[in-house]
Amino acid sequence: MDQNLLIQSLEGLDKLHNDLLELALRKTEVLKKGDMVSLKEIMKEEQILLNAIDKLDANRIEVIERIVPDIPEPKLQDILPLYNPNEQSNLTDLRQKLEEKLVKLKEVNYLNQQLIYQSMQLLNVSLSMIRPTGKQYNYSQPGKKPSVKNSPRLFNSEV
């Protein structure tokens, strides 16, 4: 019974990671467009999926520990001999699919991280262009020091 639960857990993890990958690809498009409202919604959906993945993974670990209680931190290779050849190939296929999805997810998330970083750089440059530099470009009388006024700031922390 626990052996079937393990297969179901891995199939569920595969589906959830597939959904997460689709969401990450949507996030890439949203980041390219600069649609912050959609980005906020995607991040909410992402959090829901991540919570579900955490719960299902905890369930998977619990099932594995029930299958082989004598082995500390068991791996799939420790469990495979307990399954028939058909189930063994199914388990290894599921593991392979999950590994491939995780690699793809890492690539897409790295791209999204770079897009966010570039957006922040652009925002920083734009803000620095708006903010006054504090330098005075007007001429003043020779020998007289220019008065230094408090430069207006974009953000007043005293308020």
N, C-alpha and C. Protein backbone atom coordinates (compact mmCIF):
# COMPACT_ATOMS: atom_id res chain seq x y z
N MET A 1 0.83 -1.20 0.00
CA MET A 1 0.00 0.00 0.00
C MET A 1 0.86 1.25 0.00
N ASP A 2 1.88 1.29 0.87
CA ASP A 2 2.76 2.45 0.93
C ASP A 2 3.52 2.61 -0.38
N GLN A 3 3.79 1.48 -1.05
CA GLN A 3 4.51 1.54 -2.31
C GLN A 3 3.70 2.28 -3.37
N ASN A 4 2.39 2.05 -3.38
CA ASN A 4 1.53 2.77 -4.33
C ASN A 4 1.44 4.25 -3.95
N LEU A 5 1.45 4.52 -2.66
CA LEU A 5 1.41 5.92 -2.22
C LEU A 5 2.65 6.69 -2.67
N LEU A 6 3.78 6.02 -2.70
CA LEU A 6 5.01 6.66 -3.17
C LEU A 6 4.89 7.04 -4.64
N ILE A 7 4.38 6.13 -5.44
CA ILE A 7 4.20 6.42 -6.86
C ILE A 7 3.21 7.57 -7.04
N GLN A 8 2.13 7.57 -6.27
CA GLN A 8 1.15 8.66 -6.35
C GLN A 8 1.77 9.99 -5.92
N SER A 9 2.60 9.95 -4.89
CA SER A 9 3.26 11.18 -4.44
C SER A 9 4.19 11.73 -5.52
N LEU A 10 4.96 10.85 -6.14
CA LEU A 10 5.87 11.29 -7.19
C LEU A 10 5.12 11.82 -8.41
N GLU A 11 4.00 11.18 -8.74
CA GLU A 11 3.18 11.67 -9.85
C GLU A 11 2.60 13.04 -9.52
N GLY A 12 2.17 13.21 -8.27
CA GLY A 12 1.65 14.52 -7.85
C GLY A 12 2.73 15.59 -7.87
N LEU A 13 3.93 15.24 -7.41
CA LEU A 13 5.05 16.18 -7.46
C LEU A 13 5.39 16.55 -8.90
N ASP A 14 5.32 15.57 -9.78
CA ASP A 14 5.59 15.84 -11.20
C ASP A 14 4.58 16.83 -11.76
N LYS A 15 3.32 16.63 -11.44
CA LYS A 15 2.28 17.55 -11.94
C LYS A 15 2.46 18.95 -11.35
N LEU A 16 2.71 19.03 -10.05
CA LEU A 16 2.89 20.34 -9.42
C LEU A 16 4.12 21.07 -9.96
N HIS A 17 5.20 20.34 -10.20
CA HIS A 17 6.40 20.98 -10.76
C HIS A 17 6.15 21.41 -12.21
N ASN A 18 5.33 20.64 -12.92
CA ASN A 18 4.96 21.05 -14.28
C ASN A 18 4.17 22.36 -14.24
N ASP A 19 3.22 22.46 -13.31
CA ASP A 19 2.44 23.69 -13.15
C ASP A 19 3.35 24.86 -12.76
N LEU A 20 4.31 24.58 -11.90
CA LEU A 20 5.24 25.62 -11.47
C LEU A 20 6.11 26.09 -12.63
N LEU A 21 6.52 25.18 -13.48
CA LEU A 21 7.31 25.53 -14.66
C LEU A 21 6.50 26.40 -15.61
N GLU A 22 5.25 26.04 -15.84
CA GLU A 22 4.37 26.85 -16.70
C GLU A 22 4.21 28.25 -16.11
N LEU A 23 4.06 28.32 -14.81
CA LEU A 23 3.91 29.61 -14.14
C LEU A 23 5.19 30.45 -14.27
N ALA A 24 6.34 29.80 -14.15
CA ALA A 24 7.62 30.52 -14.29
C ALA A 24 7.78 31.06 -15.71
N LEU A 25 7.33 30.30 -16.70
CA LEU A 25 7.40 30.77 -18.09
C LEU A 25 6.45 31.95 -18.30
N ARG A 26 5.27 31.89 -17.68
CA ARG A 26 4.34 33.04 -17.75
C ARG A 26 4.95 34.24 -17.07
N LYS A 27 5.65 34.01 -15.96
CA LYS A 27 6.28 35.11 -15.23
C LYS A 27 7.33 35.80 -16.11
N THR A 28 8.06 35.02 -16.90
CA THR A 28 9.06 35.60 -17.80
C THR A 28 8.40 36.57 -18.76
N GLU A 29 7.28 36.17 -19.35
CA GLU A 29 6.57 37.04 -20.29
C GLU A 29 6.04 38.29 -19.59
N VAL A 30 5.53 38.13 -18.40
CA VAL A 30 5.00 39.26 -17.64
C VAL A 30 6.13 40.23 -17.28
N LEU A 31 7.28 39.69 -16.91
CA LEU A 31 8.42 40.55 -16.60
C LEU A 31 8.88 41.32 -17.83
N LYS A 32 8.86 40.67 -18.99
CA LYS A 32 9.25 41.35 -20.23
C LYS A 32 8.30 42.50 -20.54
N LYS A 33 7.01 42.29 -20.25
CA LYS A 33 6.01 43.34 -20.51
C LYS A 33 6.02 44.42 -19.43
N GLY A 34 6.48 44.08 -18.25
CA GLY A 34 6.48 45.03 -17.14
C GLY A 34 5.12 45.16 -16.47
N ASP A 35 4.30 44.14 -16.55
CA ASP A 35 2.95 44.16 -15.98
C ASP A 35 3.01 43.74 -14.51
N MET A 36 3.04 44.73 -13.63
CA MET A 36 3.20 44.46 -12.21
C MET A 36 1.97 43.82 -11.57
N VAL A 37 0.80 44.13 -12.08
CA VAL A 37 -0.43 43.54 -11.53
C VAL A 37 -0.44 42.04 -11.79
N SER A 38 -0.11 41.65 -13.01
CA SER A 38 -0.05 40.22 -13.34
C SER A 38 1.07 39.53 -12.59
N LEU A 39 2.19 40.22 -12.41
CA LEU A 39 3.31 39.65 -11.67
C LEU A 39 2.90 39.34 -10.23
N LYS A 40 2.15 40.24 -9.64
CA LYS A 40 1.69 40.02 -8.26
C LYS A 40 0.78 38.79 -8.18
N GLU A 41 -0.10 38.63 -9.16
CA GLU A 41 -0.99 37.46 -9.18
C GLU A 41 -0.20 36.17 -9.38
N ILE A 42 0.78 36.22 -10.27
CA ILE A 42 1.60 35.03 -10.52
C ILE A 42 2.37 34.64 -9.27
N MET A 43 2.86 35.62 -8.55
CA MET A 43 3.60 35.32 -7.33
C MET A 43 2.71 34.69 -6.27
N LYS A 44 1.45 35.11 -6.22
CA LYS A 44 0.50 34.48 -5.29
C LYS A 44 0.27 33.02 -5.68
N GLU A 45 0.07 32.78 -6.98
CA GLU A 45 -0.14 31.42 -7.46
C GLU A 45 1.10 30.56 -7.19
N GLU A 46 2.26 31.16 -7.39
CA GLU A 46 3.51 30.47 -7.15
C GLU A 46 3.63 30.02 -5.69
N GLN A 47 3.25 30.89 -4.79
CA GLN A 47 3.33 30.57 -3.36
C GLN A 47 2.40 29.42 -3.01
N ILE A 48 1.21 29.41 -3.60
CA ILE A 48 0.26 28.32 -3.36
C ILE A 48 0.85 27.00 -3.85
N LEU A 49 1.44 27.03 -5.06
CA LEU A 49 2.05 25.81 -5.60
C LEU A 49 3.23 25.34 -4.74
N LEU A 50 4.05 26.27 -4.29
CA LEU A 50 5.20 25.90 -3.46
C LEU A 50 4.76 25.28 -2.14
N ASN A 51 3.70 25.80 -1.56
CA ASN A 51 3.17 25.21 -0.32
C ASN A 51 2.67 23.79 -0.56
N ALA A 52 1.98 23.60 -1.69
CA ALA A 52 1.48 22.26 -2.03
C ALA A 52 2.64 21.30 -2.28
N ILE A 53 3.69 21.78 -2.94
CA ILE A 53 4.87 20.94 -3.18
C ILE A 53 5.52 20.55 -1.86
N ASP A 54 5.64 21.51 -0.95
CA ASP A 54 6.23 21.20 0.37
C ASP A 54 5.44 20.13 1.10
N LYS A 55 4.12 20.24 1.09
CA LYS A 55 3.28 19.25 1.78
C LYS A 55 3.40 17.87 1.15
N LEU A 56 3.37 17.84 -0.18
CA LEU A 56 3.44 16.56 -0.88
C LEU A 56 4.83 15.93 -0.72
N ASP A 57 5.86 16.75 -0.70
CA ASP A 57 7.21 16.22 -0.51
C ASP A 57 7.38 15.67 0.91
N ALA A 58 6.80 16.36 1.88
CA ALA A 58 6.85 15.84 3.26
C ALA A 58 6.12 14.50 3.34
N ASN A 59 5.01 14.39 2.62
CA ASN A 59 4.27 13.14 2.58
C ASN A 59 5.11 12.04 1.92
N ARG A 60 5.81 12.39 0.84
CA ARG A 60 6.68 11.44 0.15
C ARG A 60 7.76 10.91 1.09
N ILE A 61 8.38 11.80 1.84
CA ILE A 61 9.43 11.40 2.77
C ILE A 61 8.87 10.48 3.85
N GLU A 62 7.69 10.80 4.34
CA GLU A 62 7.05 9.97 5.36
C GLU A 62 6.76 8.57 4.83
N VAL A 63 6.27 8.49 3.59
CA VAL A 63 5.97 7.19 2.98
C VAL A 63 7.26 6.39 2.80
N ILE A 64 8.32 7.02 2.35
CA ILE A 64 9.60 6.32 2.16
C ILE A 64 10.12 5.79 3.48
N GLU A 65 10.00 6.59 4.53
CA GLU A 65 10.47 6.15 5.85
C GLU A 65 9.65 4.98 6.38
N ARG A 66 8.38 4.92 5.99
CA ARG A 66 7.57 3.77 6.40
C ARG A 66 7.93 2.52 5.60
N ILE A 67 8.33 2.71 4.34
CA ILE A 67 8.68 1.57 3.50
C ILE A 67 9.99 0.93 3.98
N VAL A 68 10.99 1.76 4.24
CA VAL A 68 12.29 1.27 4.70
C VAL A 68 12.68 2.01 5.98
N PRO A 69 12.13 1.59 7.12
CA PRO A 69 12.40 2.30 8.37
C PRO A 69 13.82 2.12 8.90
N ASP A 70 14.51 1.08 8.43
CA ASP A 70 15.84 0.78 8.94
C ASP A 70 16.93 1.66 8.32
N ILE A 71 16.66 2.25 7.17
CA ILE A 71 17.68 3.02 6.46
C ILE A 71 17.49 4.51 6.75
N PRO A 72 18.52 5.15 7.33
CA PRO A 72 18.41 6.59 7.55
C PRO A 72 18.57 7.33 6.22
N GLU A 73 17.71 8.29 5.96
CA GLU A 73 17.69 9.08 4.72
C GLU A 73 17.77 8.19 3.49
N PRO A 74 16.77 7.35 3.28
CA PRO A 74 16.81 6.43 2.14
C PRO A 74 16.67 7.17 0.81
N LYS A 75 17.25 6.57 -0.21
CA LYS A 75 17.17 7.11 -1.57
C LYS A 75 16.35 6.14 -2.41
N LEU A 76 16.06 6.56 -3.62
CA LEU A 76 15.24 5.73 -4.49
C LEU A 76 15.90 4.38 -4.77
N GLN A 77 17.22 4.35 -4.89
CA GLN A 77 17.93 3.10 -5.13
C GLN A 77 17.75 2.10 -3.99
N ASP A 78 17.52 2.61 -2.78
CA ASP A 78 17.29 1.74 -1.63
C ASP A 78 15.91 1.08 -1.68
N ILE A 79 15.00 1.71 -2.38
CA ILE A 79 13.61 1.25 -2.40
C ILE A 79 13.28 0.43 -3.64
N LEU A 80 13.97 0.69 -4.73
CA LEU A 80 13.67 0.02 -5.99
C LEU A 80 13.57 -1.51 -5.90
N PRO A 81 14.44 -2.19 -5.17
CA PRO A 81 14.33 -3.67 -5.12
C PRO A 81 13.00 -4.17 -4.55
N LEU A 82 12.29 -3.33 -3.85
CA LEU A 82 11.01 -3.75 -3.26
C LEU A 82 9.86 -3.73 -4.28
N TYR A 83 10.12 -3.16 -5.46
CA TYR A 83 9.08 -3.04 -6.48
C TYR A 83 9.30 -4.05 -7.59
N ASN A 84 8.21 -4.34 -8.33
CA ASN A 84 8.35 -5.22 -9.50
C ASN A 84 8.99 -4.42 -10.64
N PRO A 85 9.50 -5.08 -11.66
CA PRO A 85 10.24 -4.39 -12.74
C PRO A 85 9.44 -3.28 -13.42
N ASN A 86 8.15 -3.48 -13.59
CA ASN A 86 7.33 -2.44 -14.23
C ASN A 86 7.26 -1.19 -13.36
N GLU A 87 7.05 -1.38 -12.05
CA GLU A 87 7.00 -0.25 -11.13
C GLU A 87 8.37 0.40 -10.99
N GLN A 88 9.43 -0.40 -11.06
CA GLN A 88 10.78 0.15 -10.99
C GLN A 88 11.04 1.12 -12.15
N SER A 89 10.65 0.71 -13.35
CA SER A 89 10.85 1.60 -14.50
C SER A 89 9.97 2.84 -14.38
N ASN A 90 8.76 2.66 -13.84
CA ASN A 90 7.88 3.81 -13.63
C ASN A 90 8.49 4.80 -12.64
N LEU A 91 9.05 4.28 -11.55
CA LEU A 91 9.68 5.14 -10.54
C LEU A 91 10.90 5.87 -11.09
N THR A 92 11.74 5.16 -11.83
CA THR A 92 12.93 5.81 -12.39
C THR A 92 12.54 6.84 -13.45
N ASP A 93 11.48 6.56 -14.22
CA ASP A 93 11.00 7.54 -15.20
C ASP A 93 10.48 8.80 -14.50
N LEU A 94 9.73 8.59 -13.41
CA LEU A 94 9.21 9.73 -12.66
C LEU A 94 10.35 10.57 -12.08
N ARG A 95 11.35 9.89 -11.54
CA ARG A 95 12.50 10.61 -10.99
C ARG A 95 13.21 11.40 -12.08
N GLN A 96 13.39 10.78 -13.25
CA GLN A 96 14.06 11.45 -14.36
C GLN A 96 13.26 12.68 -14.82
N LYS A 97 11.95 12.53 -14.92
CA LYS A 97 11.12 13.68 -15.33
C LYS A 97 11.21 14.81 -14.31
N LEU A 98 11.17 14.46 -13.04
CA LEU A 98 11.28 15.48 -11.99
C LEU A 98 12.63 16.19 -12.05
N GLU A 99 13.70 15.43 -12.25
CA GLU A 99 15.02 16.04 -12.34
C GLU A 99 15.11 16.99 -13.53
N GLU A 100 14.56 16.60 -14.67
CA GLU A 100 14.58 17.45 -15.86
C GLU A 100 13.77 18.73 -15.63
N LYS A 101 12.63 18.58 -14.97
CA LYS A 101 11.80 19.77 -14.69
C LYS A 101 12.51 20.71 -13.73
N LEU A 102 13.20 20.14 -12.75
CA LEU A 102 13.93 20.99 -11.79
C LEU A 102 15.06 21.75 -12.48
N VAL A 103 15.75 21.11 -13.40
CA VAL A 103 16.81 21.80 -14.15
C VAL A 103 16.21 22.93 -14.98
N LYS A 104 15.11 22.64 -15.66
CA LYS A 104 14.45 23.66 -16.48
C LYS A 104 13.94 24.81 -15.60
N LEU A 105 13.38 24.46 -14.43
CA LEU A 105 12.90 25.48 -13.50
C LEU A 105 14.03 26.39 -13.05
N LYS A 106 15.18 25.81 -12.76
CA LYS A 106 16.33 26.61 -12.34
C LYS A 106 16.75 27.57 -13.45
N GLU A 107 16.73 27.09 -14.70
CA GLU A 107 17.10 27.95 -15.83
C GLU A 107 16.12 29.11 -15.99
N VAL A 108 14.83 28.81 -15.93
CA VAL A 108 13.81 29.85 -16.10
C VAL A 108 13.85 30.83 -14.93
N ASN A 109 14.04 30.32 -13.72
CA ASN A 109 14.12 31.21 -12.56
C ASN A 109 15.36 32.10 -12.62
N TYR A 110 16.45 31.57 -13.15
CA TYR A 110 17.66 32.39 -13.31
C TYR A 110 17.40 33.51 -14.31
N LEU A 111 16.72 33.18 -15.41
CA LEU A 111 16.36 34.20 -16.40
C LEU A 111 15.46 35.25 -15.77
N ASN A 112 14.47 34.82 -15.01
CA ASN A 112 13.57 35.77 -14.34
C ASN A 112 14.33 36.65 -13.35
N GLN A 113 15.29 36.07 -12.65
CA GLN A 113 16.11 36.84 -11.71
C GLN A 113 16.90 37.91 -12.46
N GLN A 114 17.45 37.54 -13.61
CA GLN A 114 18.21 38.51 -14.40
C GLN A 114 17.30 39.62 -14.93
N LEU A 115 16.10 39.28 -15.35
CA LEU A 115 15.14 40.29 -15.82
C LEU A 115 14.77 41.27 -14.70
N ILE A 116 14.56 40.74 -13.51
CA ILE A 116 14.23 41.60 -12.37
C ILE A 116 15.41 42.50 -12.03
N TYR A 117 16.61 41.94 -12.06
CA TYR A 117 17.81 42.71 -11.77
C TYR A 117 17.99 43.85 -12.79
N GLN A 118 17.78 43.56 -14.06
CA GLN A 118 17.89 44.59 -15.09
C GLN A 118 16.83 45.66 -14.92
N SER A 119 15.63 45.25 -14.53
CA SER A 119 14.56 46.22 -14.29
C SER A 119 14.92 47.14 -13.13
N MET A 120 15.52 46.55 -12.09
CA MET A 120 15.94 47.37 -10.95
C MET A 120 17.05 48.34 -11.34
N GLN A 121 17.96 47.91 -12.19
CA GLN A 121 19.02 48.80 -12.66
C GLN A 121 18.43 49.95 -13.46
N LEU A 122 17.48 49.65 -14.33
CA LEU A 122 16.83 50.69 -15.13
C LEU A 122 16.09 51.66 -14.23
N LEU A 123 15.41 51.14 -13.24
CA LEU A 123 14.70 51.99 -12.29
C LEU A 123 15.67 52.88 -11.53
N ASN A 124 16.79 52.33 -11.13
CA ASN A 124 17.80 53.09 -10.40
C ASN A 124 18.36 54.22 -11.27
N VAL A 125 18.65 53.93 -12.53
CA VAL A 125 19.15 54.95 -13.45
C VAL A 125 18.09 56.04 -13.66
N SER A 126 16.86 55.63 -13.81
CA SER A 126 15.78 56.61 -14.00
C SER A 126 15.63 57.51 -12.79
N LEU A 127 15.70 56.90 -11.60
CA LEU A 127 15.60 57.70 -10.38
C LEU A 127 16.78 58.66 -10.24
N SER A 128 17.96 58.21 -10.59
CA SER A 128 19.13 59.09 -10.47
C SER A 128 19.06 60.24 -11.46
N MET A 129 18.37 60.04 -12.57
CA MET A 129 18.21 61.13 -13.53
C MET A 129 17.18 62.15 -13.04
N ILE A 130 16.23 61.71 -12.28
CA ILE A 130 15.18 62.60 -11.75
C ILE A 130 15.70 63.40 -10.57
N ARG A 131 16.46 62.75 -9.71
CA ARG A 131 16.97 63.40 -8.51
C ARG A 131 18.00 64.48 -8.84
N PRO A 132 17.94 65.58 -8.15
CA PRO A 132 18.97 66.60 -8.36
C PRO A 132 20.29 66.11 -7.77
N THR A 133 21.38 66.56 -8.38
CA THR A 133 22.69 66.09 -7.95
C THR A 133 23.27 66.93 -6.83
N GLY A 134 22.76 68.10 -6.61
CA GLY A 134 23.28 68.96 -5.56
C GLY A 134 24.38 69.87 -6.08
N LYS A 135 24.82 69.66 -7.30
CA LYS A 135 25.84 70.54 -7.88
C LYS A 135 25.16 71.77 -8.44
N GLN A 136 25.87 72.86 -8.35
CA GLN A 136 25.31 74.11 -8.84
C GLN A 136 25.95 74.43 -10.18
N TYR A 137 25.12 74.62 -11.16
CA TYR A 137 25.63 74.91 -12.49
C TYR A 137 25.49 76.37 -12.86
N ASN A 138 24.95 77.20 -11.97
CA ASN A 138 24.83 78.63 -12.22
C ASN A 138 26.11 79.34 -11.82
N TYR A 139 26.33 80.45 -12.46
CA TYR A 139 27.50 81.25 -12.10
C TYR A 139 27.23 82.01 -10.82
N SER A 140 28.27 82.24 -10.05
CA SER A 140 28.13 83.03 -8.84
C SER A 140 29.19 84.12 -8.87
N GLN A 141 29.05 85.05 -7.96
CA GLN A 141 30.01 86.15 -7.92
C GLN A 141 31.37 85.62 -7.51
N PRO A 142 32.46 86.11 -8.14
CA PRO A 142 33.79 85.64 -7.75
C PRO A 142 34.10 86.00 -6.30
N GLY A 143 34.73 85.10 -5.58
CA GLY A 143 35.13 85.34 -4.21
C GLY A 143 34.03 85.09 -3.21
N LYS A 144 32.85 84.90 -3.65
CA LYS A 144 31.73 84.65 -2.74
C LYS A 144 31.37 83.17 -2.82
N LYS A 145 31.31 82.54 -1.67
CA LYS A 145 30.96 81.13 -1.65
C LYS A 145 29.48 80.96 -1.97
N PRO A 146 29.18 79.99 -2.79
CA PRO A 146 27.76 79.76 -3.06
C PRO A 146 27.08 79.19 -1.82
N SER A 147 25.87 79.60 -1.62
CA SER A 147 25.14 79.08 -0.46
C SER A 147 24.71 77.65 -0.76
N VAL A 148 24.88 76.84 0.25
CA VAL A 148 24.49 75.44 0.11
C VAL A 148 23.13 75.28 0.74
N LYS A 149 22.18 74.98 -0.08
CA LYS A 149 20.82 74.75 0.40
C LYS A 149 20.62 73.25 0.54
N ASN A 150 19.72 72.93 1.40
CA ASN A 150 19.37 71.51 1.50
C ASN A 150 18.71 71.11 0.18
N SER A 151 19.32 70.16 -0.46
CA SER A 151 18.76 69.74 -1.74
C SER A 151 17.46 68.99 -1.51
N PRO A 152 16.48 69.27 -2.34
CA PRO A 152 15.20 68.56 -2.17
C PRO A 152 15.41 67.08 -2.49
N ARG A 153 14.79 66.28 -1.70
CA ARG A 153 14.94 64.83 -1.88
C ARG A 153 13.65 64.24 -2.37
N LEU A 154 13.81 63.13 -3.02
CA LEU A 154 12.64 62.42 -3.52
C LEU A 154 11.88 61.75 -2.38
N PHE A 155 12.59 61.39 -1.34
CA PHE A 155 11.98 60.70 -0.22
C PHE A 155 12.38 61.42 1.05
N ASN A 156 11.41 61.87 1.82
CA ASN A 156 11.68 62.56 3.07
C ASN A 156 11.42 61.59 4.21
N SER A 157 12.49 61.16 4.85
CA SER A 157 12.36 60.15 5.90
C SER A 157 11.81 60.74 7.20
N GLU A 158 11.81 62.06 7.32
CA GLU A 158 11.33 62.67 8.55
C GLU A 158 9.80 62.69 8.61
N VAL A 159 9.16 62.58 7.49
CA VAL A 159 7.71 62.64 7.45
C VAL A 159 7.20 61.36 7.99
